[in-house]
Amino acid sequence: MVIRFLHYCDRNIVLKETRSLAEVRVSSAKVMFFPNYMIAVQRNNFLAVKRRLRDLGFAYSLLFPARLRVVAAYTTHFFTTPEEAWHWTESSDNCATRSVRLEPTGDSSSQQNRRG
């Protein structure tokens, strides 16, 4: 049987309480409780891709449970595996569409040209 909790804190309470008990039995059957580490492993698999996206200047976020969202040229892309996200970053078309952060250059000549 698999039980999923709606709230993370409820899951932690149940795991904490069952650890304090020697054994849990229901109708003479032993019941064991294990946390689901699969989601954490899936999210950690995206670390290299996230680092590459950061280096390339893309805006990204990791959605729950393990879905990568990348914004490039006002278009949002979603990836469920690190491999497909990595392949997307290697595409030459995507290098030109990455997010551009505009910063003031401190050059006043462009401002003077507008006035003149």
PDB file of N, CA and C in Angstrom:
ATOM      1  N   MET A   1       0.839  -1.162   0.000  1.00  0.00           N
ATOM      2  CA  MET A   1       0.000   0.000   0.000  1.00  0.00           C
ATOM      3  C   MET A   1       0.892   1.235   0.000  1.00  0.00           C
ATOM      4  N   VAL A   2       0.515   2.218  -0.781  1.00  0.00           N
ATOM      5  CA  VAL A   2       1.236   3.481  -0.846  1.00  0.00           C
ATOM      6  C   VAL A   2       0.305   4.578  -0.358  1.00  0.00           C
ATOM      7  N   ILE A   3       0.814   5.384   0.553  1.00  0.00           N
ATOM      8  CA  ILE A   3       0.043   6.506   1.087  1.00  0.00           C
ATOM      9  C   ILE A   3       0.768   7.790   0.721  1.00  0.00           C
ATOM     10  N   ARG A   4       0.037   8.723   0.153  1.00  0.00           N
ATOM     11  CA  ARG A   4       0.602  10.029  -0.178  1.00  0.00           C
ATOM     12  C   ARG A   4      -0.092  11.084   0.665  1.00  0.00           C
ATOM     13  N   PHE A   5       0.700  11.978   1.201  1.00  0.00           N
ATOM     14  CA  PHE A   5       0.165  13.036   2.043  1.00  0.00           C
ATOM     15  C   PHE A   5       0.029  14.320   1.243  1.00  0.00           C
ATOM     16  N   LEU A   6      -1.016  15.053   1.539  1.00  0.00           N
ATOM     17  CA  LEU A   6      -1.246  16.322   0.870  1.00  0.00           C
ATOM     18  C   LEU A   6      -0.247  17.373   1.353  1.00  0.00           C
ATOM     19  N   HIS A   7       0.059  17.344   2.637  1.00  0.00           N
ATOM     20  CA  HIS A   7       0.967  18.327   3.219  1.00  0.00           C
ATOM     21  C   HIS A   7       2.238  17.645   3.701  1.00  0.00           C
ATOM     22  N   TYR A   8       3.352  18.284   3.411  1.00  0.00           N
ATOM     23  CA  TYR A   8       4.660  17.764   3.772  1.00  0.00           C
ATOM     24  C   TYR A   8       4.807  17.615   5.287  1.00  0.00           C
ATOM     25  N   CYS A   9       4.251  18.551   6.035  1.00  0.00           N
ATOM     26  CA  CYS A   9       4.384  18.496   7.497  1.00  0.00           C
ATOM     27  C   CYS A   9       3.639  17.290   8.076  1.00  0.00           C
ATOM     28  N   ASP A  10       2.517  16.901   7.477  1.00  0.00           N
ATOM     29  CA  ASP A  10       1.804  15.704   7.938  1.00  0.00           C
ATOM     30  C   ASP A  10       2.654  14.459   7.724  1.00  0.00           C
ATOM     31  N   ARG A  11       3.302  14.396   6.588  1.00  0.00           N
ATOM     32  CA  ARG A  11       4.184  13.269   6.289  1.00  0.00           C
ATOM     33  C   ARG A  11       5.300  13.173   7.331  1.00  0.00           C
ATOM     34  N   ASN A  12       5.892  14.320   7.682  1.00  0.00           N
ATOM     35  CA  ASN A  12       6.972  14.324   8.663  1.00  0.00           C
ATOM     36  C   ASN A  12       6.496  13.894  10.042  1.00  0.00           C
ATOM     37  N   ILE A  13       5.298  14.293  10.418  1.00  0.00           N
ATOM     38  CA  ILE A  13       4.749  13.895  11.720  1.00  0.00           C
ATOM     39  C   ILE A  13       4.566  12.383  11.781  1.00  0.00           C
ATOM     40  N   VAL A  14       4.002  11.802  10.736  1.00  0.00           N
ATOM     41  CA  VAL A  14       3.785  10.349  10.708  1.00  0.00           C
ATOM     42  C   VAL A  14       5.115   9.611  10.751  1.00  0.00           C
ATOM     43  N   LEU A  15       6.093  10.046   9.967  1.00  0.00           N
ATOM     44  CA  LEU A  15       7.399   9.383   9.978  1.00  0.00           C
ATOM     45  C   LEU A  15       8.072   9.491  11.343  1.00  0.00           C
ATOM     46  N   LYS A  16       7.959  10.647  11.972  1.00  0.00           N
ATOM     47  CA  LYS A  16       8.565  10.838  13.287  1.00  0.00           C
ATOM     48  C   LYS A  16       7.907   9.935  14.327  1.00  0.00           C
ATOM     49  N   GLU A  17       6.590   9.868  14.318  1.00  0.00           N
ATOM     50  CA  GLU A  17       5.872   9.041  15.290  1.00  0.00           C
ATOM     51  C   GLU A  17       6.145   7.549  15.088  1.00  0.00           C
ATOM     52  N   THR A  18       6.215   7.111  13.849  1.00  0.00           N
ATOM     53  CA  THR A  18       6.460   5.680  13.606  1.00  0.00           C
ATOM     54  C   THR A  18       7.884   5.285  13.964  1.00  0.00           C
ATOM     55  N   ARG A  19       8.831   6.215  13.890  1.00  0.00           N
ATOM     56  CA  ARG A  19      10.201   5.907  14.309  1.00  0.00           C
ATOM     57  C   ARG A  19      10.282   5.699  15.815  1.00  0.00           C
ATOM     58  N   SER A  20       9.431   6.387  16.554  1.00  0.00           N
ATOM     59  CA  SER A  20       9.463   6.252  18.012  1.00  0.00           C
ATOM     60  C   SER A  20       8.840   4.939  18.481  1.00  0.00           C
ATOM     61  N   LEU A  21       8.013   4.329  17.633  1.00  0.00           N
ATOM     62  CA  LEU A  21       7.398   3.048  17.982  1.00  0.00           C
ATOM     63  C   LEU A  21       8.322   1.896  17.602  1.00  0.00           C
ATOM     64  N   ALA A  22       8.261   0.838  18.379  1.00  0.00           N
ATOM     65  CA  ALA A  22       9.084  -0.331  18.068  1.00  0.00           C
ATOM     66  C   ALA A  22       8.578  -1.019  16.810  1.00  0.00           C
ATOM     67  N   GLU A  23       7.263  -1.130  16.700  1.00  0.00           N
ATOM     68  CA  GLU A  23       6.679  -1.855  15.583  1.00  0.00           C
ATOM     69  C   GLU A  23       5.229  -1.421  15.404  1.00  0.00           C
ATOM     70  N   VAL A  24       4.788  -1.325  14.169  1.00  0.00           N
ATOM     71  CA  VAL A  24       3.398  -0.979  13.883  1.00  0.00           C
ATOM     72  C   VAL A  24       2.756  -2.188  13.232  1.00  0.00           C
ATOM     73  N   ARG A  25       1.616  -2.604  13.792  1.00  0.00           N
ATOM     74  CA  ARG A  25       0.892  -3.759  13.247  1.00  0.00           C
ATOM     75  C   ARG A  25      -0.565  -3.384  13.019  1.00  0.00           C
ATOM     76  N   VAL A  26      -1.100  -3.857  11.898  1.00  0.00           N
ATOM     77  CA  VAL A  26      -2.509  -3.692  11.571  1.00  0.00           C
ATOM     78  C   VAL A  26      -3.034  -5.069  11.223  1.00  0.00           C
ATOM     79  N   SER A  27      -3.985  -5.561  12.017  1.00  0.00           N
ATOM     80  CA  SER A  27      -4.552  -6.911  11.824  1.00  0.00           C
ATOM     81  C   SER A  27      -3.445  -7.959  11.763  1.00  0.00           C
ATOM     82  N   SER A  28      -2.546  -7.903  12.687  1.00  0.00           N
ATOM     83  CA  SER A  28      -1.403  -8.809  12.839  1.00  0.00           C
ATOM     84  C   SER A  28      -0.409  -8.752  11.674  1.00  0.00           C
ATOM     85  N   ALA A  29      -0.559  -7.784  10.796  1.00  0.00           N
ATOM     86  CA  ALA A  29       0.404  -7.603   9.703  1.00  0.00           C
ATOM     87  C   ALA A  29       1.323  -6.431  10.044  1.00  0.00           C
ATOM     88  N   LYS A  30       2.612  -6.643   9.868  1.00  0.00           N
ATOM     89  CA  LYS A  30       3.586  -5.596  10.160  1.00  0.00           C
ATOM     90  C   LYS A  30       3.531  -4.532   9.065  1.00  0.00           C
ATOM     91  N   VAL A  31       3.480  -3.268   9.493  1.00  0.00           N
ATOM     92  CA  VAL A  31       3.427  -2.138   8.563  1.00  0.00           C
ATOM     93  C   VAL A  31       4.719  -1.346   8.711  1.00  0.00           C
ATOM     94  N   MET A  32       5.354  -1.039   7.574  1.00  0.00           N
ATOM     95  CA  MET A  32       6.595  -0.267   7.585  1.00  0.00           C
ATOM     96  C   MET A  32       6.380   1.035   6.817  1.00  0.00           C
ATOM     97  N   PHE A  33       7.084   2.072   7.238  1.00  0.00           N
ATOM     98  CA  PHE A  33       6.947   3.400   6.642  1.00  0.00           C
ATOM     99  C   PHE A  33       8.289   3.842   6.075  1.00  0.00           C
ATOM    100  N   PHE A  34       8.272   4.329   4.823  1.00  0.00           N
ATOM    101  CA  PHE A  34       9.481   4.809   4.165  1.00  0.00           C
ATOM    102  C   PHE A  34       9.182   6.136   3.477  1.00  0.00           C
ATOM    103  N   PRO A  35      10.070   7.107   3.614  1.00  0.00           N
ATOM    104  CA  PRO A  35       9.877   8.355   2.872  1.00  0.00           C
ATOM    105  C   PRO A  35      10.199   8.132   1.400  1.00  0.00           C
ATOM    106  N   ASN A  36       9.623   8.945   0.551  1.00  0.00           N
ATOM    107  CA  ASN A  36       9.857   8.843  -0.883  1.00  0.00           C
ATOM    108  C   ASN A  36      11.010   9.770  -1.259  1.00  0.00           C
ATOM    109  N   TYR A  37      12.179   9.197  -1.517  1.00  0.00           N
ATOM    110  CA  TYR A  37      13.340   9.989  -1.903  1.00  0.00           C
ATOM    111  C   TYR A  37      13.442  10.172  -3.412  1.00  0.00           C
ATOM    112  N   MET A  38      12.560   9.550  -4.148  1.00  0.00           N
ATOM    113  CA  MET A  38      12.629   9.608  -5.601  1.00  0.00           C
ATOM    114  C   MET A  38      12.549  11.047  -6.114  1.00  0.00           C
ATOM    115  N   ILE A  39      11.708  11.853  -5.526  1.00  0.00           N
ATOM    116  CA  ILE A  39      11.550  13.231  -5.982  1.00  0.00           C
ATOM    117  C   ILE A  39      12.834  14.019  -5.748  1.00  0.00           C
ATOM    118  N   ALA A  40      13.460  13.845  -4.597  1.00  0.00           N
ATOM    119  CA  ALA A  40      14.708  14.550  -4.306  1.00  0.00           C
ATOM    120  C   ALA A  40      15.805  14.145  -5.284  1.00  0.00           C
ATOM    121  N   VAL A  41      15.860  12.879  -5.612  1.00  0.00           N
ATOM    122  CA  VAL A  41      16.860  12.396  -6.571  1.00  0.00           C
ATOM    123  C   VAL A  41      16.599  12.996  -7.943  1.00  0.00           C
ATOM    124  N   GLN A  42      15.342  13.030  -8.358  1.00  0.00           N
ATOM    125  CA  GLN A  42      15.001  13.604  -9.661  1.00  0.00           C
ATOM    126  C   GLN A  42      15.372  15.082  -9.728  1.00  0.00           C
ATOM    127  N   ARG A  43      15.120  15.813  -8.660  1.00  0.00           N
ATOM    128  CA  ARG A  43      15.432  17.242  -8.646  1.00  0.00           C
ATOM    129  C   ARG A  43      16.943  17.471  -8.677  1.00  0.00           C
ATOM    130  N   ASN A  44      17.701  16.633  -7.981  1.00  0.00           N
ATOM    131  CA  ASN A  44      19.157  16.766  -7.972  1.00  0.00           C
ATOM    132  C   ASN A  44      19.767  16.451  -9.327  1.00  0.00           C
ATOM    133  N   ASN A  45      19.094  15.658 -10.137  1.00  0.00           N
ATOM    134  CA  ASN A  45      19.610  15.339 -11.467  1.00  0.00           C
ATOM    135  C   ASN A  45      19.679  16.569 -12.368  1.00  0.00           C
ATOM    136  N   PHE A  46      18.944  17.609 -12.044  1.00  0.00           N
ATOM    137  CA  PHE A  46      18.919  18.822 -12.858  1.00  0.00           C
ATOM    138  C   PHE A  46      20.032  19.811 -12.493  1.00  0.00           C
ATOM    139  N   LEU A  47      20.878  19.505 -11.516  1.00  0.00           N
ATOM    140  CA  LEU A  47      21.879  20.467 -11.051  1.00  0.00           C
ATOM    141  C   LEU A  47      22.827  20.920 -12.159  1.00  0.00           C
ATOM    142  N   ALA A  48      23.344  19.983 -12.953  1.00  0.00           N
ATOM    143  CA  ALA A  48      24.291  20.342 -14.016  1.00  0.00           C
ATOM    144  C   ALA A  48      23.620  21.206 -15.079  1.00  0.00           C
ATOM    145  N   VAL A  49      22.388  20.880 -15.420  1.00  0.00           N
ATOM    146  CA  VAL A  49      21.664  21.655 -16.432  1.00  0.00           C
ATOM    147  C   VAL A  49      21.367  23.058 -15.902  1.00  0.00           C
ATOM    148  N   LYS A  50      20.987  23.160 -14.631  1.00  0.00           N
ATOM    149  CA  LYS A  50      20.715  24.470 -14.043  1.00  0.00           C
ATOM    150  C   LYS A  50      21.978  25.333 -14.041  1.00  0.00           C
ATOM    151  N   ARG A  51      23.114  24.718 -13.746  1.00  0.00           N
ATOM    152  CA  ARG A  51      24.376  25.453 -13.762  1.00  0.00           C
ATOM    153  C   ARG A  51      24.673  25.963 -15.184  1.00  0.00           C
ATOM    154  N   ARG A  52      24.446  25.105 -16.178  1.00  0.00           N
ATOM    155  CA  ARG A  52      24.678  25.503 -17.578  1.00  0.00           C
ATOM    156  C   ARG A  52      23.726  26.639 -17.983  1.00  0.00           C
ATOM    157  N   LEU A  53      22.464  26.534 -17.599  1.00  0.00           N
ATOM    158  CA  LEU A  53      21.499  27.590 -17.919  1.00  0.00           C
ATOM    159  C   LEU A  53      21.902  28.915 -17.276  1.00  0.00           C
ATOM    160  N   ARG A  54      22.383  28.852 -16.044  1.00  0.00           N
ATOM    161  CA  ARG A  54      22.823  30.059 -15.341  1.00  0.00           C
ATOM    162  C   ARG A  54      24.014  30.684 -16.076  1.00  0.00           C
ATOM    163  N   ASP A  55      24.974  29.836 -16.499  1.00  0.00           N
ATOM    164  CA  ASP A  55      26.144  30.339 -17.218  1.00  0.00           C
ATOM    165  C   ASP A  55      25.766  30.968 -18.557  1.00  0.00           C
ATOM    166  N   LEU A  56      24.748  30.411 -19.214  1.00  0.00           N
ATOM    167  CA  LEU A  56      24.308  30.935 -20.509  1.00  0.00           C
ATOM    168  C   LEU A  56      23.390  32.149 -20.374  1.00  0.00           C
ATOM    169  N   GLY A  57      22.914  32.426 -19.164  1.00  0.00           N
ATOM    170  CA  GLY A  57      22.084  33.602 -18.930  1.00  0.00           C
ATOM    171  C   GLY A  57      20.597  33.383 -19.101  1.00  0.00           C
ATOM    172  N   PHE A  58      20.146  32.136 -19.093  1.00  0.00           N
ATOM    173  CA  PHE A  58      18.718  31.851 -19.224  1.00  0.00           C
ATOM    174  C   PHE A  58      18.023  31.998 -17.877  1.00  0.00           C
ATOM    175  N   ALA A  59      16.780  32.426 -17.904  1.00  0.00           N
ATOM    176  CA  ALA A  59      15.941  32.450 -16.706  1.00  0.00           C
ATOM    177  C   ALA A  59      15.282  31.082 -16.591  1.00  0.00           C
ATOM    178  N   TYR A  60      15.367  30.464 -15.414  1.00  0.00           N
ATOM    179  CA  TYR A  60      14.813  29.120 -15.241  1.00  0.00           C
ATOM    180  C   TYR A  60      14.272  28.965 -13.831  1.00  0.00           C
ATOM    181  N   SER A  61      13.454  27.931 -13.643  1.00  0.00           N
ATOM    182  CA  SER A  61      12.986  27.550 -12.311  1.00  0.00           C
ATOM    183  C   SER A  61      12.675  26.065 -12.332  1.00  0.00           C
ATOM    184  N   LEU A  62      12.749  25.450 -11.170  1.00  0.00           N
ATOM    185  CA  LEU A  62      12.464  24.027 -11.037  1.00  0.00           C
ATOM    186  C   LEU A  62      11.117  23.885 -10.349  1.00  0.00           C
ATOM    187  N   LEU A  63      10.155  23.336 -11.068  1.00  0.00           N
ATOM    188  CA  LEU A  63       8.801  23.179 -10.559  1.00  0.00           C
ATOM    189  C   LEU A  63       8.649  21.825  -9.885  1.00  0.00           C
ATOM    190  N   PHE A  64       7.699  21.713  -8.992  1.00  0.00           N
ATOM    191  CA  PHE A  64       7.456  20.462  -8.281  1.00  0.00           C
ATOM    192  C   PHE A  64       6.705  19.502  -9.182  1.00  0.00           C
ATOM    193  N   PRO A  65       7.004  18.223  -9.183  1.00  0.00           N
ATOM    194  CA  PRO A  65       8.036  17.577  -8.388  1.00  0.00           C
ATOM    195  C   PRO A  65       9.418  17.694  -9.019  1.00  0.00           C
ATOM    196  N   ALA A  66       9.547  17.529 -10.315  1.00  0.00           N
ATOM    197  CA  ALA A  66      10.852  17.663 -10.969  1.00  0.00           C
ATOM    198  C   ALA A  66      10.624  18.037 -12.424  1.00  0.00           C
ATOM    199  N   ARG A  67      10.299  19.293 -12.631  1.00  0.00           N
ATOM    200  CA  ARG A  67      10.017  19.787 -13.977  1.00  0.00           C
ATOM    201  C   ARG A  67      10.722  21.126 -14.132  1.00  0.00           C
ATOM    202  N   LEU A  68      11.570  21.225 -15.146  1.00  0.00           N
ATOM    203  CA  LEU A  68      12.363  22.426 -15.358  1.00  0.00           C
ATOM    204  C   LEU A  68      11.645  23.362 -16.324  1.00  0.00           C
ATOM    205  N   ARG A  69      11.537  24.629 -15.923  1.00  0.00           N
ATOM    206  CA  ARG A  69      10.921  25.650 -16.774  1.00  0.00           C
ATOM    207  C   ARG A  69      12.010  26.642 -17.167  1.00  0.00           C
ATOM    208  N   VAL A  70      12.150  26.865 -18.478  1.00  0.00           N
ATOM    209  CA  VAL A  70      13.151  27.793 -18.995  1.00  0.00           C
ATOM    210  C   VAL A  70      12.435  28.852 -19.822  1.00  0.00           C
ATOM    211  N   VAL A  71      12.768  30.112 -19.565  1.00  0.00           N
ATOM    212  CA  VAL A  71      12.187  31.213 -20.330  1.00  0.00           C
ATOM    213  C   VAL A  71      13.277  31.764 -21.239  1.00  0.00           C
ATOM    214  N   ALA A  72      12.982  31.759 -22.545  1.00  0.00           N
ATOM    215  CA  ALA A  72      13.929  32.274 -23.534  1.00  0.00           C
ATOM    216  C   ALA A  72      13.154  33.057 -24.579  1.00  0.00           C
ATOM    217  N   ALA A  73      13.529  34.291 -24.776  1.00  0.00           N
ATOM    218  CA  ALA A  73      12.902  35.164 -25.771  1.00  0.00           C
ATOM    219  C   ALA A  73      11.387  35.188 -25.612  1.00  0.00           C
ATOM    220  N   TYR A  74      10.938  35.376 -24.382  1.00  0.00           N
ATOM    221  CA  TYR A  74       9.514  35.469 -24.047  1.00  0.00           C
ATOM    222  C   TYR A  74       8.738  34.194 -24.356  1.00  0.00           C
ATOM    223  N   THR A  75       9.427  33.079 -24.494  1.00  0.00           N
ATOM    224  CA  THR A  75       8.798  31.778 -24.709  1.00  0.00           C
ATOM    225  C   THR A  75       9.193  30.869 -23.561  1.00  0.00           C
ATOM    226  N   THR A  76       8.232  30.136 -23.019  1.00  0.00           N
ATOM    227  CA  THR A  76       8.493  29.231 -21.910  1.00  0.00           C
ATOM    228  C   THR A  76       8.593  27.805 -22.427  1.00  0.00           C
ATOM    229  N   HIS A  77       9.653  27.119 -21.998  1.00  0.00           N
ATOM    230  CA  HIS A  77       9.883  25.723 -22.371  1.00  0.00           C
ATOM    231  C   HIS A  77       9.881  24.886 -21.096  1.00  0.00           C
ATOM    232  N   PHE A  78       9.298  23.688 -21.158  1.00  0.00           N
ATOM    233  CA  PHE A  78       9.256  22.783 -20.016  1.00  0.00           C
ATOM    234  C   PHE A  78      10.001  21.499 -20.357  1.00  0.00           C
ATOM    235  N   PHE A  79      10.770  20.980 -19.391  1.00  0.00           N
ATOM    236  CA  PHE A  79      11.536  19.750 -19.580  1.00  0.00           C
ATOM    237  C   PHE A  79      11.322  18.836 -18.380  1.00  0.00           C
ATOM    238  N   THR A  80      11.104  17.557 -18.651  1.00  0.00           N
ATOM    239  CA  THR A  80      10.904  16.591 -17.570  1.00  0.00           C
ATOM    240  C   THR A  80      12.148  15.760 -17.302  1.00  0.00           C
ATOM    241  N   THR A  81      13.125  15.800 -18.208  1.00  0.00           N
ATOM    242  CA  THR A  81      14.382  15.081 -17.984  1.00  0.00           C
ATOM    243  C   THR A  81      15.548  16.037 -18.188  1.00  0.00           C
ATOM    244  N   PRO A  82      16.637  15.836 -17.460  1.00  0.00           N
ATOM    245  CA  PRO A  82      17.810  16.685 -17.648  1.00  0.00           C
ATOM    246  C   PRO A  82      18.422  16.523 -19.040  1.00  0.00           C
ATOM    247  N   GLU A  83      18.282  15.339 -19.617  1.00  0.00           N
ATOM    248  CA  GLU A  83      18.864  15.082 -20.935  1.00  0.00           C
ATOM    249  C   GLU A  83      18.225  15.958 -22.012  1.00  0.00           C
ATOM    250  N   GLU A  84      16.891  16.046 -22.001  1.00  0.00           N
ATOM    251  CA  GLU A  84      16.241  16.869 -23.023  1.00  0.00           C
ATOM    252  C   GLU A  84      16.532  18.348 -22.800  1.00  0.00           C
ATOM    253  N   ALA A  85      16.681  18.768 -21.557  1.00  0.00           N
ATOM    254  CA  ALA A  85      17.035  20.163 -21.280  1.00  0.00           C
ATOM    255  C   ALA A  85      18.465  20.449 -21.741  1.00  0.00           C
ATOM    256  N   TRP A  86      19.374  19.520 -21.493  1.00  0.00           N
ATOM    257  CA  TRP A  86      20.764  19.685 -21.920  1.00  0.00           C
ATOM    258  C   TRP A  86      20.840  19.756 -23.447  1.00  0.00           C
ATOM    259  N   HIS A  87      20.100  18.885 -24.117  1.00  0.00           N
ATOM    260  CA  HIS A  87      20.077  18.885 -25.582  1.00  0.00           C
ATOM    261  C   HIS A  87      19.553  20.227 -26.101  1.00  0.00           C
ATOM    262  N   TRP A  88      18.550  20.772 -25.433  1.00  0.00           N
ATOM    263  CA  TRP A  88      17.991  22.061 -25.832  1.00  0.00           C
ATOM    264  C   TRP A  88      19.033  23.168 -25.691  1.00  0.00           C
ATOM    265  N   THR A  89      19.841  23.130 -24.622  1.00  0.00           N
ATOM    266  CA  THR A  89      20.861  24.172 -24.419  1.00  0.00           C
ATOM    267  C   THR A  89      21.960  24.085 -25.464  1.00  0.00           C
ATOM    268  N   GLU A  90      22.195  22.895 -26.004  1.00  0.00           N
ATOM    269  CA  GLU A  90      23.242  22.729 -27.012  1.00  0.00           C
ATOM    270  C   GLU A  90      22.788  23.153 -28.402  1.00  0.00           C
ATOM    271  N   SER A  91      21.512  23.371 -28.577  1.00  0.00           N
ATOM    272  CA  SER A  91      20.993  23.796 -29.871  1.00  0.00           C
ATOM    273  C   SER A  91      21.493  25.209 -30.170  1.00  0.00           C
ATOM    274  N   SER A  92      22.007  25.410 -31.363  1.00  0.00           N
ATOM    275  CA  SER A  92      22.574  26.719 -31.714  1.00  0.00           C
ATOM    276  C   SER A  92      21.504  27.799 -31.786  1.00  0.00           C
ATOM    277  N   ASP A  93      20.270  27.431 -32.114  1.00  0.00           N
ATOM    278  CA  ASP A  93      19.193  28.418 -32.202  1.00  0.00           C
ATOM    279  C   ASP A  93      18.885  29.032 -30.846  1.00  0.00           C
ATOM    280  N   ASN A  94      19.047  28.261 -29.785  1.00  0.00           N
ATOM    281  CA  ASN A  94      18.668  28.733 -28.459  1.00  0.00           C
ATOM    282  C   ASN A  94      19.676  29.708 -27.876  1.00  0.00           C
ATOM    283  N   CYS A  95      20.917  29.676 -28.342  1.00  0.00           N
ATOM    284  CA  CYS A  95      21.910  30.610 -27.822  1.00  0.00           C
ATOM    285  C   CYS A  95      21.547  32.046 -28.173  1.00  0.00           C
ATOM    286  N   ALA A  96      20.911  32.236 -29.314  1.00  0.00           N
ATOM    287  CA  ALA A  96      20.532  33.583 -29.733  1.00  0.00           C
ATOM    288  C   ALA A  96      19.267  34.066 -29.038  1.00  0.00           C
ATOM    289  N   THR A  97      18.480  33.148 -28.464  1.00  0.00           N
ATOM    290  CA  THR A  97      17.203  33.543 -27.867  1.00  0.00           C
ATOM    291  C   THR A  97      17.247  33.605 -26.352  1.00  0.00           C
ATOM    292  N   ARG A  98      18.418  33.526 -25.765  1.00  0.00           N
ATOM    293  CA  ARG A  98      18.482  33.521 -24.306  1.00  0.00           C
ATOM    294  C   ARG A  98      18.060  34.866 -23.737  1.00  0.00           C
ATOM    295  N   SER A  99      17.720  34.845 -22.479  1.00  0.00           N
ATOM    296  CA  SER A  99      17.285  36.072 -21.813  1.00  0.00           C
ATOM    297  C   SER A  99      18.450  37.048 -21.741  1.00  0.00           C
ATOM    298  N   VAL A 100      18.182  38.281 -21.997  1.00  0.00           N
ATOM    299  CA  VAL A 100      19.222  39.305 -21.957  1.00  0.00           C
ATOM    300  C   VAL A 100      18.922  40.238 -20.802  1.00  0.00           C
ATOM    301  N   ARG A 101      19.905  40.427 -19.961  1.00  0.00           N
ATOM    302  CA  ARG A 101      19.749  41.350 -18.841  1.00  0.00           C
ATOM    303  C   ARG A 101      20.370  42.682 -19.243  1.00  0.00           C
ATOM    304  N   LEU A 102      19.561  43.705 -19.309  1.00  0.00           N
ATOM    305  CA  LEU A 102      20.053  45.018 -19.688  1.00  0.00           C
ATOM    306  C   LEU A 102      20.522  45.752 -18.449  1.00  0.00           C
ATOM    307  N   GLU A 103      21.753  46.243 -18.518  1.00  0.00           N
ATOM    308  CA  GLU A 103      22.316  46.987 -17.405  1.00  0.00           C
ATOM    309  C   GLU A 103      22.794  48.332 -17.933  1.00  0.00           C
ATOM    310  N   PRO A 104      22.669  49.368 -17.124  1.00  0.00           N
ATOM    311  CA  PRO A 104      23.143  50.677 -17.576  1.00  0.00           C
ATOM    312  C   PRO A 104      24.652  50.653 -17.776  1.00  0.00           C
ATOM    313  N   THR A 105      25.101  51.247 -18.868  1.00  0.00           N
ATOM    314  CA  THR A 105      26.527  51.242 -19.182  1.00  0.00           C
ATOM    315  C   THR A 105      27.245  52.452 -18.618  1.00  0.00           C
ATOM    316  N   GLY A 106      26.492  53.472 -18.255  1.00  0.00           N
ATOM    317  CA  GLY A 106      27.123  54.677 -17.734  1.00  0.00           C
ATOM    318  C   GLY A 106      27.608  55.599 -18.840  1.00  0.00           C
ATOM    319  N   ASP A 107      27.356  55.229 -20.085  1.00  0.00           N
ATOM    320  CA  ASP A 107      27.764  56.037 -21.231  1.00  0.00           C
ATOM    321  C   ASP A 107      26.714  57.118 -21.472  1.00  0.00           C
ATOM    322  N   SER A 108      27.092  58.356 -21.326  1.00  0.00           N
ATOM    323  CA  SER A 108      26.131  59.446 -21.481  1.00  0.00           C
ATOM    324  C   SER A 108      26.013  59.911 -22.925  1.00  0.00           C
ATOM    325  N   SER A 109      26.859  59.419 -23.842  1.00  0.00           N
ATOM    326  CA  SER A 109      26.802  59.873 -25.231  1.00  0.00           C
ATOM    327  C   SER A 109      25.498  59.465 -25.900  1.00  0.00           C
ATOM    328  N   SER A 110      24.956  58.314 -25.538  1.00  0.00           N
ATOM    329  CA  SER A 110      23.692  57.894 -26.140  1.00  0.00           C
ATOM    330  C   SER A 110      22.549  58.783 -25.664  1.00  0.00           C
ATOM    331  N   GLN A 111      22.627  59.265 -24.428  1.00  0.00           N
ATOM    332  CA  GLN A 111      21.596  60.153 -23.919  1.00  0.00           C
ATOM    333  C   GLN A 111      21.701  61.527 -24.569  1.00  0.00           C
ATOM    334  N   GLN A 112      22.924  61.976 -24.861  1.00  0.00           N
ATOM    335  CA  GLN A 112      23.103  63.275 -25.489  1.00  0.00           C
ATOM    336  C   GLN A 112      22.600  63.255 -26.923  1.00  0.00           C
ATOM    337  N   ASN A 113      22.742  62.118 -27.615  1.00  0.00           N
ATOM    338  CA  ASN A 113      22.274  62.028 -28.990  1.00  0.00           C
ATOM    339  C   ASN A 113      20.763  62.155 -29.062  1.00  0.00           C
ATOM    340  N   ARG A 114      20.064  61.677 -28.058  1.00  0.00           N
ATOM    341  CA  ARG A 114      18.610  61.780 -28.044  1.00  0.00           C
ATOM    342  C   ARG A 114      18.165  63.224 -27.858  1.00  0.00           C
ATOM    343  N   ARG A 115      18.909  63.968 -27.054  1.00  0.00           N
ATOM    344  CA  ARG A 115      18.541  65.356 -26.766  1.00  0.00           C
ATOM    345  C   ARG A 115      18.837  66.266 -27.955  1.00  0.00           C
ATOM    346  N   GLY A 116      19.894  65.969 -28.656  1.00  0.00           N
ATOM    347  CA  GLY A 116      20.404  66.860 -29.665  1.00  0.00           C
ATOM    348  C   GLY A 116      19.678  66.828 -30.926  1.00  0.00           C
TER     349      GLY A 116
END
